[in-house]
């Protein structure tokens, strides 16, 4: 069944009152594809009415669960809600936990046999996130992830959440308010919530203030002031109430000096109107007012005044903004917000075998994307360096790394091993999952230098030829897989001057038949 027929049947089922998931499963596509179709059509998703299961359906579920031992697989097979099936299993005392190591090993074995990530994950019953991690060599542990290069990333608050199970004598808590930031220790000179709990427990046990201070490595006067200032009449000292009262006293309303009208604000506004950067405004101010200490504002102060939510923020002044005219600051040095484009190290083109340069054997490919209007659609192009034979990879929904990875694997795996030697790509983020592609296809993947498209000259020239069929500024998602195959076949039958007027198909046959 072609994609267009599936779409028409999908929307016909939707018109009969079906949900997106049910309609997608009935026509044989993933629910994600169904949601994308509905979104592109501008329709609202229809919420499903709660399903009532009969005793017969429930009995059939437990029968299949006893045979297969996988709740998700049985739920998918019967078309039941997976969460409901897990609820039945847990209520019956049936826990089908499976060894993650065995599941991962089976997943990698299937990937090595050429299965796509989606198919391999479905076969072993793994979720999308776990399959992505296994493909890229990422291992999970309680509280974080370990990357192939040895980098360890801890989950935020994992350590505090784990404290729930610790004995009360540790005086550590995992209240949700703590996790949201209020009860996090600010500085060692301030009493934390944990210390206030310890003060409460030790005081309740009859310890003196000096004894409490010695045990907590605090002065007795600190304990005395804490009990005097933050106790509540009638009920005494309560740690959570005491911590809230202390936090309330700590806040001091402060207005930025650049939010107040005056000479300093006028100077900064005048500099920004002249398109000076905050750094230029700050340093020029110090030079123009060398003896006036009040005329000072560091670049960070100016940036905060620009991006502030205050009604008098500098960005709200006419013709007063930063050079890039952003509406909010873009973090540049926060490692949690700015991650590497490639987790796995890239193999540079300089390490590519010298035989690739000779163009004497087939199986050495160059690849890239041609993108459509507003970068919303794309087609992956892969061309053989020796024969100029072209393969076009259909990217149905988007051109993210996962989509490109699955598309390349599905296109390259049917080829014989002699045609799967190397692949050269640029440093685009769409190939950030190159490790899984290499593992599944056996290709050695090499990356060009940044900003060096001539290192993939064959592919760049082929992409220029493809623009006859796919002009710039058009929506490439309208072309089906069959359309791409027709275009590739036409180009592969076109005689080339570089091949002595042979066609790419003829040259490829010649290379494969030569000893």
Protein backbone atom coordinates (compact mmCIF):
# COMPACT_ATOMS: atom_id res chain seq x y z
CA UNK A 1 0.00 0.00 0.00
CA UNK A 2 1.50 3.36 -1.05
CA UNK A 3 1.88 6.23 1.39
CA UNK A 4 -0.79 8.38 -0.29
CA UNK A 5 -3.32 5.52 -0.11
CA UNK A 6 -2.47 4.99 3.57
CA UNK A 7 -3.05 8.67 4.25
CA UNK A 8 -6.44 8.68 2.56
CA UNK A 9 -7.51 5.56 4.41
CA UNK A 10 -6.18 7.01 7.70
CA UNK A 11 -8.28 10.19 7.43
CA UNK A 12 -11.31 8.18 6.33
CA UNK A 13 -11.04 6.12 9.53
CA UNK A 14 -10.59 9.32 11.53
CA UNK A 15 -13.81 10.72 10.04
CA UNK A 16 -15.66 7.69 11.42
CA UNK A 17 -14.72 8.83 14.94
CA UNK A 18 -11.58 6.80 15.54
CA UNK A 19 -8.61 8.06 17.53
CA UNK A 20 -5.27 8.83 15.89
CA UNK A 21 -3.53 5.82 17.44
CA UNK A 22 -6.26 3.38 16.47
CA UNK A 23 -6.46 4.74 12.90
CA UNK A 24 -2.66 4.59 12.50
CA UNK A 25 -2.48 0.99 13.70
CA UNK A 26 -5.34 -0.03 11.41
CA UNK A 27 -3.62 1.34 8.28
CA UNK A 28 -0.25 -0.11 9.32
CA UNK A 29 1.77 3.00 10.24
CA UNK A 30 3.22 4.18 13.53
CA UNK A 31 1.09 6.44 15.76
CA UNK A 32 3.81 9.11 15.45
CA UNK A 33 3.24 9.24 11.69
CA UNK A 34 -0.49 9.59 12.30
CA UNK A 35 0.04 12.49 14.70
CA UNK A 36 2.30 14.19 12.13
CA UNK A 37 -0.34 13.82 9.40
CA UNK A 38 -3.00 15.33 11.66
CA UNK A 39 -0.68 18.17 12.66
CA UNK A 40 0.19 19.03 9.05
CA UNK A 41 -3.49 18.94 8.14
CA UNK A 42 -4.26 21.46 10.90
CA UNK A 43 -6.71 19.16 12.66
CA UNK A 44 -7.19 18.75 16.40
CA UNK A 45 -6.39 15.43 18.02
CA UNK A 46 -9.48 13.57 19.22
CA UNK A 47 -9.29 12.28 22.75
CA UNK A 48 -10.19 8.65 23.22
CA UNK A 49 -13.02 7.62 25.48
CA UNK A 50 -11.92 5.29 28.30
CA UNK A 51 -12.07 1.71 27.11
CA UNK A 52 -13.85 -0.90 29.19
CA UNK A 53 -12.33 -4.38 28.95
CA UNK A 54 -14.35 -7.54 29.36
CA UNK A 55 -13.33 -10.52 31.47
CA UNK A 56 -12.71 -12.49 28.27
CA UNK A 57 -10.25 -9.86 26.99
CA UNK A 58 -8.51 -9.80 30.34
CA UNK A 59 -8.23 -13.59 30.38
CA UNK A 60 -6.79 -13.56 26.86
CA UNK A 61 -4.18 -11.03 27.99
CA UNK A 62 -3.00 -13.26 30.86
CA UNK A 63 -2.95 -16.30 28.57
CA UNK A 64 -0.64 -14.58 26.08
CA UNK A 65 1.41 -13.07 28.89
CA UNK A 66 2.10 -16.57 30.22
CA UNK A 67 3.34 -17.62 26.78
CA UNK A 68 5.39 -14.55 25.85
CA UNK A 69 6.30 -12.97 29.18
CA UNK A 70 6.33 -9.44 27.76
CA UNK A 71 3.54 -7.06 28.81
CA UNK A 72 4.28 -4.45 26.14
CA UNK A 73 4.38 -7.01 23.33
CA UNK A 74 1.09 -8.60 24.42
CA UNK A 75 -0.59 -5.20 24.79
CA UNK A 76 0.58 -4.23 21.31
CA UNK A 77 -0.61 -7.53 19.86
CA UNK A 78 -4.08 -7.22 21.37
CA UNK A 79 -4.39 -3.47 20.82
CA UNK A 80 -4.81 -2.83 24.57
CA UNK A 81 -3.54 0.19 26.48
CA UNK A 82 -0.08 -0.71 27.73
CA UNK A 83 -0.44 1.09 31.09
CA UNK A 84 -3.67 -0.79 31.78
CA UNK A 85 -1.97 -4.10 31.00
CA UNK A 86 0.90 -3.32 33.38
CA UNK A 87 -1.66 -2.45 36.05
CA UNK A 88 -3.36 -5.84 35.61
CA UNK A 89 -0.01 -7.64 35.78
CA UNK A 90 1.10 -5.83 38.94
CA UNK A 91 -2.25 -6.36 40.66
CA UNK A 92 -1.91 -10.06 39.92
CA UNK A 93 1.63 -10.10 41.30
CA UNK A 94 3.17 -10.77 37.88
CA UNK A 95 6.40 -8.86 37.27
CA UNK A 96 8.04 -9.44 33.93
CA UNK A 97 11.29 -7.61 34.49
CA UNK A 98 13.93 -8.56 31.97
CA UNK A 99 17.67 -8.26 32.26
CA UNK A 100 18.70 -4.98 30.68
CA UNK A 101 22.06 -6.43 29.70
CA UNK A 102 20.43 -9.34 27.86
CA UNK A 103 17.94 -7.01 26.23
CA UNK A 104 20.70 -4.67 25.10
CA UNK A 105 22.84 -7.53 23.77
CA UNK A 106 19.91 -8.88 21.77
CA UNK A 107 19.19 -5.38 20.43
CA UNK A 108 22.80 -4.90 19.28
CA UNK A 109 22.81 -8.33 17.68
CA UNK A 110 19.71 -7.45 15.66
CA UNK A 111 21.24 -4.13 14.66
CA UNK A 112 24.34 -5.97 13.49
CA UNK A 113 22.12 -8.11 11.27
CA UNK A 114 20.88 -4.96 9.54
CA UNK A 115 17.58 -4.25 11.30
CA UNK A 116 16.62 -0.60 11.75
CA UNK A 117 16.59 0.85 15.22
CA UNK A 118 12.79 0.94 15.36
CA UNK A 119 12.43 -2.68 14.28
CA UNK A 120 15.16 -3.93 16.63
CA UNK A 121 13.68 -2.01 19.57
CA UNK A 122 10.24 -3.40 18.83
CA UNK A 123 11.62 -6.92 18.62
CA UNK A 124 13.20 -6.77 22.10
CA UNK A 125 10.47 -4.58 23.63
CA UNK A 126 12.71 -1.56 24.33
CA UNK A 127 11.63 2.06 24.34
CA UNK A 128 12.92 4.66 21.90
CA UNK A 129 15.26 6.36 24.40
CA UNK A 130 16.97 3.14 25.49
CA UNK A 131 17.45 2.06 21.86
CA UNK A 132 19.09 5.40 21.08
CA UNK A 133 21.48 5.03 24.02
CA UNK A 134 22.41 1.44 23.17
CA UNK A 135 23.07 2.38 19.56
CA UNK A 136 25.47 5.11 20.65
CA UNK A 137 27.25 3.10 23.35
CA UNK A 138 25.73 5.03 26.27
CA UNK A 139 25.24 3.10 29.51
CA UNK A 140 22.78 4.13 32.20
CA UNK A 141 23.14 3.76 35.94
CA UNK A 142 21.01 5.00 38.80
CA UNK A 143 21.61 8.72 38.81
CA UNK A 144 23.31 9.29 35.46
CA UNK A 145 24.73 8.14 32.15
CA UNK A 146 28.21 7.08 31.03
CA UNK A 147 29.25 8.01 27.49
CA UNK A 148 31.70 5.99 25.35
CA UNK A 149 34.47 8.58 25.86
CA UNK A 150 34.25 8.11 29.65
CA UNK A 151 32.24 11.28 30.30
CA UNK A 152 29.75 10.86 33.17
CA UNK A 153 26.62 13.01 33.32
CA UNK A 154 24.64 12.89 36.56
CA UNK A 155 20.90 13.38 36.64
CA UNK A 156 19.89 16.51 38.59
CA UNK A 157 18.61 15.85 42.09
CA UNK A 158 19.17 12.08 41.75
CA UNK A 159 21.28 12.06 44.88
CA UNK A 160 18.68 13.97 46.88
CA UNK A 161 15.87 11.73 45.67
CA UNK A 162 17.86 8.71 46.81
CA UNK A 163 17.97 10.14 50.33
CA UNK A 164 14.31 9.30 50.84
CA UNK A 165 15.33 5.71 51.57
CA UNK A 166 18.07 6.64 54.06
CA UNK A 167 17.55 6.39 57.82
CA UNK A 168 16.26 9.42 59.67
CA UNK A 169 19.49 9.73 61.68
CA UNK A 170 21.28 11.20 58.66
CA UNK A 171 19.09 14.34 58.89
CA UNK A 172 18.80 14.52 55.09
CA UNK A 173 15.44 15.09 53.45
CA UNK A 174 14.10 14.98 49.93
CA UNK A 175 11.07 17.21 50.23
CA UNK A 176 9.86 18.43 46.83
CA UNK A 177 10.37 22.05 47.85
CA UNK A 178 14.04 21.25 48.40
CA UNK A 179 14.32 19.83 44.91
CA UNK A 180 12.77 22.96 43.45
CA UNK A 181 15.47 25.13 44.92
CA UNK A 182 14.18 26.77 48.12
CA UNK A 183 15.81 24.37 50.57
CA UNK A 184 19.09 23.91 48.71
CA UNK A 185 22.03 25.08 50.83
CA UNK A 186 22.96 28.60 49.75
CA UNK A 187 26.27 28.95 51.58
CA UNK A 188 27.93 27.25 54.49
CA UNK A 189 27.47 30.34 56.68
CA UNK A 190 23.67 30.01 56.37
CA UNK A 191 21.77 27.32 58.23
CA UNK A 192 20.29 24.79 55.80
CA UNK A 193 17.01 22.90 56.16
CA UNK A 194 18.89 19.75 57.10
CA UNK A 195 20.64 21.59 59.94
CA UNK A 196 17.35 23.03 61.16
CA UNK A 197 15.90 19.52 61.26
CA UNK A 198 18.91 18.41 63.26
CA UNK A 199 18.46 21.32 65.68
CA UNK A 200 14.81 20.35 66.15
CA UNK A 201 15.62 16.67 66.81
CA UNK A 202 18.53 17.33 69.17
CA UNK A 203 16.59 19.97 71.08
CA UNK A 204 13.65 17.56 71.36
CA UNK A 205 16.07 14.96 72.77
CA UNK A 206 17.03 17.40 75.55
CA UNK A 207 20.46 18.53 74.34
CA UNK A 208 21.72 21.92 75.43
CA UNK A 209 22.53 24.68 72.95
CA UNK A 210 26.28 24.22 73.46
CA UNK A 211 25.95 20.47 72.93
CA UNK A 212 23.96 21.04 69.73
CA UNK A 213 26.56 23.53 68.52
CA UNK A 214 29.43 21.08 69.13
CA UNK A 215 27.66 18.28 67.26
CA UNK A 216 26.86 20.55 64.32
CA UNK A 217 30.18 22.44 64.33
CA UNK A 218 28.30 25.68 64.94
CA UNK A 219 28.64 28.25 67.68
CA UNK A 220 26.19 28.12 70.59
CA UNK A 221 25.13 31.72 69.84
CA UNK A 222 24.04 30.66 66.32
CA UNK A 223 21.80 27.96 67.83
CA UNK A 224 20.46 30.39 70.43
CA UNK A 225 19.57 33.07 67.84
CA UNK A 226 17.97 30.47 65.57
CA UNK A 227 15.69 29.18 68.34
CA UNK A 228 14.83 32.70 69.53
CA UNK A 229 14.05 34.21 66.12
CA UNK A 230 12.33 31.35 64.34
CA UNK A 231 10.29 29.61 67.05
CA UNK A 232 6.51 29.84 66.90
CA UNK A 233 4.46 30.77 69.96
CA UNK A 234 2.57 27.82 71.37
CA UNK A 235 4.20 25.06 69.27
CA UNK A 236 7.88 25.85 69.65
CA UNK A 237 10.56 25.35 67.01
CA UNK A 238 9.48 23.71 63.75
CA UNK A 239 12.24 23.27 61.13
CA UNK A 240 10.18 23.82 57.99
CA UNK A 241 8.40 26.87 59.36
CA UNK A 242 11.71 28.23 60.65
CA UNK A 243 13.31 27.77 57.25
CA UNK A 244 10.47 29.58 55.47
CA UNK A 245 10.67 32.50 57.89
CA UNK A 246 14.43 32.78 57.45
CA UNK A 247 14.10 32.64 53.66
CA UNK A 248 11.43 35.36 53.77
CA UNK A 249 13.72 37.68 55.71
CA UNK A 250 16.57 37.01 53.31
CA UNK A 251 14.82 38.58 50.29
CA UNK A 252 15.60 42.27 49.84
CA UNK A 253 13.89 44.15 46.99
CA UNK A 254 16.59 45.66 44.83
CA UNK A 255 16.11 47.85 41.77
CA UNK A 256 18.85 47.89 39.17
CA UNK A 257 20.55 51.27 38.85
CA UNK A 258 19.86 51.14 35.11
CA UNK A 259 16.12 50.92 35.76
CA UNK A 260 16.19 54.31 37.49
CA UNK A 261 16.06 57.48 35.41
CA UNK A 262 19.25 59.51 35.55
CA UNK A 263 22.52 60.36 33.83
CA UNK A 264 23.84 56.78 34.02
CA UNK A 265 20.77 55.30 32.32
CA UNK A 266 20.71 58.06 29.69
CA UNK A 267 24.36 57.43 28.80
CA UNK A 268 23.84 53.68 28.40
CA UNK A 269 20.68 54.17 26.31
CA UNK A 270 22.48 56.68 24.07
CA UNK A 271 25.32 54.20 23.50
CA UNK A 272 22.98 51.35 22.66
CA UNK A 273 21.02 53.55 20.26
CA UNK A 274 24.31 54.18 18.44
CA UNK A 275 24.64 50.36 18.20
CA UNK A 276 27.52 50.14 20.68
CA UNK A 277 27.93 46.84 22.43
CA UNK A 278 27.48 46.74 26.24
CA UNK A 279 31.23 46.24 26.58
CA UNK A 280 31.95 49.35 24.49
CA UNK A 281 29.44 51.38 26.50
CA UNK A 282 30.94 50.27 29.81
CA UNK A 283 34.58 50.97 28.97
CA UNK A 284 33.88 54.24 27.16
CA UNK A 285 31.90 55.43 30.17
CA UNK A 286 34.87 54.84 32.44
CA UNK A 287 36.99 56.92 30.08
CA UNK A 288 34.51 59.79 29.70
CA UNK A 289 33.78 60.00 33.47
CA UNK A 290 37.16 59.10 34.94
CA UNK A 291 36.57 61.04 38.19
CA UNK A 292 32.85 60.32 38.63
CA UNK A 293 32.57 56.96 40.40
CA UNK A 294 28.77 56.96 40.09
CA UNK A 295 29.01 56.69 36.28
CA UNK A 296 29.95 53.03 36.22
CA UNK A 297 28.15 49.95 34.87
CA UNK A 298 29.88 46.73 33.95
CA UNK A 299 28.85 44.89 30.72
CA UNK A 300 26.98 42.23 32.70
CA UNK A 301 24.87 44.89 34.43
CA UNK A 302 23.94 46.37 31.06
CA UNK A 303 23.05 42.94 29.65
CA UNK A 304 20.85 42.18 32.67
CA UNK A 305 19.10 45.54 32.28
CA UNK A 306 18.45 44.78 28.60
CA UNK A 307 17.02 41.30 29.09
CA UNK A 308 15.23 41.99 32.37
CA UNK A 309 11.47 41.48 32.71
CA UNK A 310 11.26 44.85 34.47
CA UNK A 311 8.85 47.34 32.86
CA UNK A 312 11.75 49.81 32.42
CA UNK A 313 14.12 47.28 30.81
CA UNK A 314 16.43 48.84 28.24
CA UNK A 315 15.18 46.57 25.46
CA UNK A 316 11.80 48.30 25.73
CA UNK A 317 13.29 51.67 24.81
CA UNK A 318 12.87 52.85 21.19
CA UNK A 319 15.77 51.79 18.92
CA UNK A 320 17.63 50.43 21.94
CA UNK A 321 18.66 46.79 21.68
CA UNK A 322 21.64 44.51 21.30
CA UNK A 323 23.34 43.91 17.98
CA UNK A 324 21.57 40.57 17.49
CA UNK A 325 18.13 41.83 18.62
CA UNK A 326 17.38 38.70 20.66
CA UNK A 327 14.43 38.77 23.04
CA UNK A 328 16.25 36.67 25.65
CA UNK A 329 19.80 35.75 26.50
CA UNK A 330 21.37 32.71 24.92
CA UNK A 331 23.53 30.71 27.38
CA UNK A 332 27.00 30.06 25.99
CA UNK A 333 29.01 28.51 28.78
CA UNK A 334 26.48 26.29 30.53
CA UNK A 335 27.57 22.70 29.74
CA UNK A 336 24.08 21.43 30.55
CA UNK A 337 22.54 23.65 27.85
CA UNK A 338 25.26 23.56 25.19
CA UNK A 339 26.34 20.04 24.36
CA UNK A 340 28.65 18.72 21.70
CA UNK A 341 27.15 18.14 18.29
CA UNK A 342 28.85 14.74 18.16
CA UNK A 343 29.06 12.63 21.30
CA UNK A 344 31.15 10.00 19.53
CA UNK A 345 34.47 11.26 18.12
CA UNK A 346 34.59 11.90 14.38
CA UNK A 347 37.18 10.25 12.15
CA UNK A 348 38.67 13.04 10.00
CA UNK A 349 39.01 12.74 6.25
CA UNK A 350 42.79 12.79 6.63
CA UNK A 351 42.56 9.24 8.06
CA UNK A 352 40.66 7.96 5.03
CA UNK A 353 42.53 5.24 3.08
CA UNK A 354 44.56 6.44 0.11
CA UNK A 355 42.72 3.97 -2.14
CA UNK A 356 39.62 6.14 -1.90
CA UNK A 357 41.37 8.95 -3.77
CA UNK A 358 42.23 6.67 -6.72
CA UNK A 359 38.55 6.00 -7.64
CA UNK A 360 39.52 2.51 -8.80
CA UNK A 361 37.00 0.50 -6.78
CA UNK A 362 33.32 0.92 -6.03
CA UNK A 363 31.88 1.19 -2.54
CA UNK A 364 33.41 4.52 -1.46
CA UNK A 365 30.51 6.94 -1.06
CA UNK A 366 30.03 10.66 -0.45
CA UNK A 367 26.82 11.89 1.18
CA UNK A 368 24.91 15.02 2.11
CA UNK A 369 21.39 16.47 2.36
CA UNK A 370 19.51 18.68 -0.05
CA UNK A 371 16.95 20.67 1.93
CA UNK A 372 13.64 22.20 0.98
CA UNK A 373 11.96 25.45 1.85
CA UNK A 374 12.63 26.77 5.37
CA UNK A 375 14.73 23.63 6.07
CA UNK A 376 11.55 21.71 6.89
CA UNK A 377 12.14 18.84 4.47
CA UNK A 378 15.16 17.10 3.02
CA UNK A 379 16.45 14.25 0.86
CA UNK A 380 19.68 12.42 1.65
CA UNK A 381 21.96 11.86 -1.35
CA UNK A 382 24.70 9.22 -1.49
CA UNK A 383 26.94 8.94 -4.58
CA UNK A 384 29.72 6.46 -5.36
CA UNK A 385 33.05 8.18 -6.02
CA UNK A 386 34.24 5.76 -8.71
CA UNK A 387 31.08 5.19 -10.78
CA UNK A 388 29.02 8.31 -9.83
CA UNK A 389 26.16 5.91 -9.07
CA UNK A 390 23.48 7.73 -7.05
CA UNK A 391 21.25 6.58 -4.21
CA UNK A 392 18.48 8.82 -2.86
CA UNK A 393 17.27 8.30 0.73
CA UNK A 394 13.63 9.16 1.42
CA UNK A 395 13.19 11.12 4.67
CA UNK A 396 9.45 11.19 5.25
CA UNK A 397 8.92 13.27 8.40
CA UNK A 398 12.06 15.28 9.17
CA UNK A 399 15.83 15.16 8.79
CA UNK A 400 16.95 14.73 12.40
CA UNK A 401 19.83 12.40 13.25
CA UNK A 402 17.59 9.43 14.01
CA UNK A 403 15.62 9.74 10.77
CA UNK A 404 18.77 10.09 8.67
CA UNK A 405 20.39 7.16 10.49
CA UNK A 406 17.41 4.86 9.86
CA UNK A 407 17.17 6.01 6.24
CA UNK A 408 20.84 5.38 5.49
CA UNK A 409 20.78 1.98 7.16
CA UNK A 410 17.70 0.94 5.22
CA UNK A 411 19.25 2.13 1.95
CA UNK A 412 22.79 0.81 2.37
CA UNK A 413 22.15 -2.56 4.01
CA UNK A 414 20.66 -4.25 0.91
CA UNK A 415 23.91 -3.54 -0.99
CA UNK A 416 26.55 -6.27 -1.16
CA UNK A 417 29.51 -5.93 1.23
CA UNK A 418 31.82 -4.90 -1.65
CA UNK A 419 29.70 -1.75 -2.05
CA UNK A 420 29.83 -0.86 1.65
CA UNK A 421 33.39 0.33 2.22
CA UNK A 422 33.49 4.00 3.27
CA UNK A 423 31.18 7.00 3.56
CA UNK A 424 32.37 10.62 3.60
CA UNK A 425 30.06 13.31 5.03
CA UNK A 426 30.30 16.89 6.20
CA UNK A 427 30.04 17.85 9.87
CA UNK A 428 26.27 18.32 9.86
CA UNK A 429 24.39 17.33 13.00
CA UNK A 430 22.17 15.01 10.96
CA UNK A 431 24.96 12.41 11.07
CA UNK A 432 25.63 12.65 14.80
CA UNK A 433 24.53 9.01 15.13
CA UNK A 434 27.29 7.85 12.81
CA UNK A 435 28.37 5.19 15.27
CA UNK A 436 25.09 3.30 14.92
CA UNK A 437 25.22 3.64 11.12
CA UNK A 438 28.73 2.20 11.01
CA UNK A 439 27.76 -0.62 13.36
CA UNK A 440 24.69 -1.61 11.33
CA UNK A 441 26.13 -1.26 7.81
CA UNK A 442 29.84 -1.96 8.20
CA UNK A 443 30.75 1.38 6.57
CA UNK A 444 33.81 3.30 7.72
CA UNK A 445 32.57 6.88 8.10
CA UNK A 446 34.87 9.89 7.64
CA UNK A 447 34.11 13.57 8.09
CA UNK A 448 35.31 16.51 6.01
CA UNK A 449 36.93 19.56 7.53
CA UNK A 450 34.55 22.31 8.60
CA UNK A 451 33.58 24.58 5.73
CA UNK A 452 35.29 22.42 3.08
CA UNK A 453 32.61 21.21 0.65
CA UNK A 454 35.23 20.60 -2.07
CA UNK A 455 36.36 17.55 -0.12
CA UNK A 456 33.07 15.98 -1.28
CA UNK A 457 33.20 17.36 -4.80
CA UNK A 458 31.45 14.40 -6.42
CA UNK A 459 28.47 14.74 -4.09
CA UNK A 460 28.30 18.52 -4.46
CA UNK A 461 28.23 18.18 -8.26
CA UNK A 462 25.53 15.52 -8.07
CA UNK A 463 23.42 17.70 -5.78
CA UNK A 464 23.63 20.44 -8.41
CA UNK A 465 22.24 18.01 -11.00
CA UNK A 466 19.43 17.04 -8.61
CA UNK A 467 18.26 20.65 -8.40
CA UNK A 468 16.87 20.17 -11.93
CA UNK A 469 14.34 17.83 -10.35
CA UNK A 470 14.09 19.36 -6.86
CA UNK A 471 14.41 23.18 -7.21
CA UNK A 472 15.48 25.24 -4.24
CA UNK A 473 12.69 26.71 -2.16
CA UNK A 474 10.26 23.83 -2.77
CA UNK A 475 8.73 21.38 -0.33
CA UNK A 476 10.64 18.11 -0.72
CA UNK A 477 8.24 16.14 1.48
CA UNK A 478 5.77 15.96 -1.39
CA UNK A 479 8.03 13.54 -3.29
CA UNK A 480 7.40 9.86 -2.55
CA UNK A 481 9.93 7.05 -2.37
CA UNK A 482 8.91 5.99 -5.89
CA UNK A 483 9.56 9.50 -7.18
CA UNK A 484 13.10 9.41 -5.78
CA UNK A 485 13.78 6.02 -7.34
CA UNK A 486 12.72 7.33 -10.76
CA UNK A 487 14.99 10.37 -10.46
CA UNK A 488 17.95 8.25 -9.33
CA UNK A 489 17.38 5.80 -12.19
CA UNK A 490 17.31 8.65 -14.72
CA UNK A 491 20.56 10.16 -13.45
CA UNK A 492 22.25 6.76 -13.29
CA UNK A 493 21.38 6.27 -16.98
CA UNK A 494 22.80 9.66 -18.03
CA UNK A 495 26.20 9.48 -19.85
CA UNK A 496 29.00 11.36 -18.09
CA UNK A 497 32.04 13.05 -19.53
CA UNK A 498 34.11 12.08 -16.48
CA UNK A 499 33.33 8.41 -17.21
CA UNK A 500 34.27 8.55 -20.90
CA UNK A 501 30.57 8.93 -21.74
CA UNK A 502 29.66 5.76 -19.87
CA UNK A 503 26.62 5.90 -17.62
CA UNK A 504 27.01 5.43 -13.85
CA UNK A 505 25.10 2.14 -14.05
CA UNK A 506 27.44 0.82 -16.76
CA UNK A 507 30.55 1.88 -14.87
CA UNK A 508 29.30 0.30 -11.65
CA UNK A 509 28.64 -3.01 -13.44
CA UNK A 510 32.11 -2.84 -14.94
CA UNK A 511 33.77 -2.26 -11.56
CA UNK A 512 31.82 -5.07 -9.91
CA UNK A 513 32.62 -7.54 -12.67
CA UNK A 514 36.35 -6.74 -12.78
CA UNK A 515 38.58 -9.01 -10.64
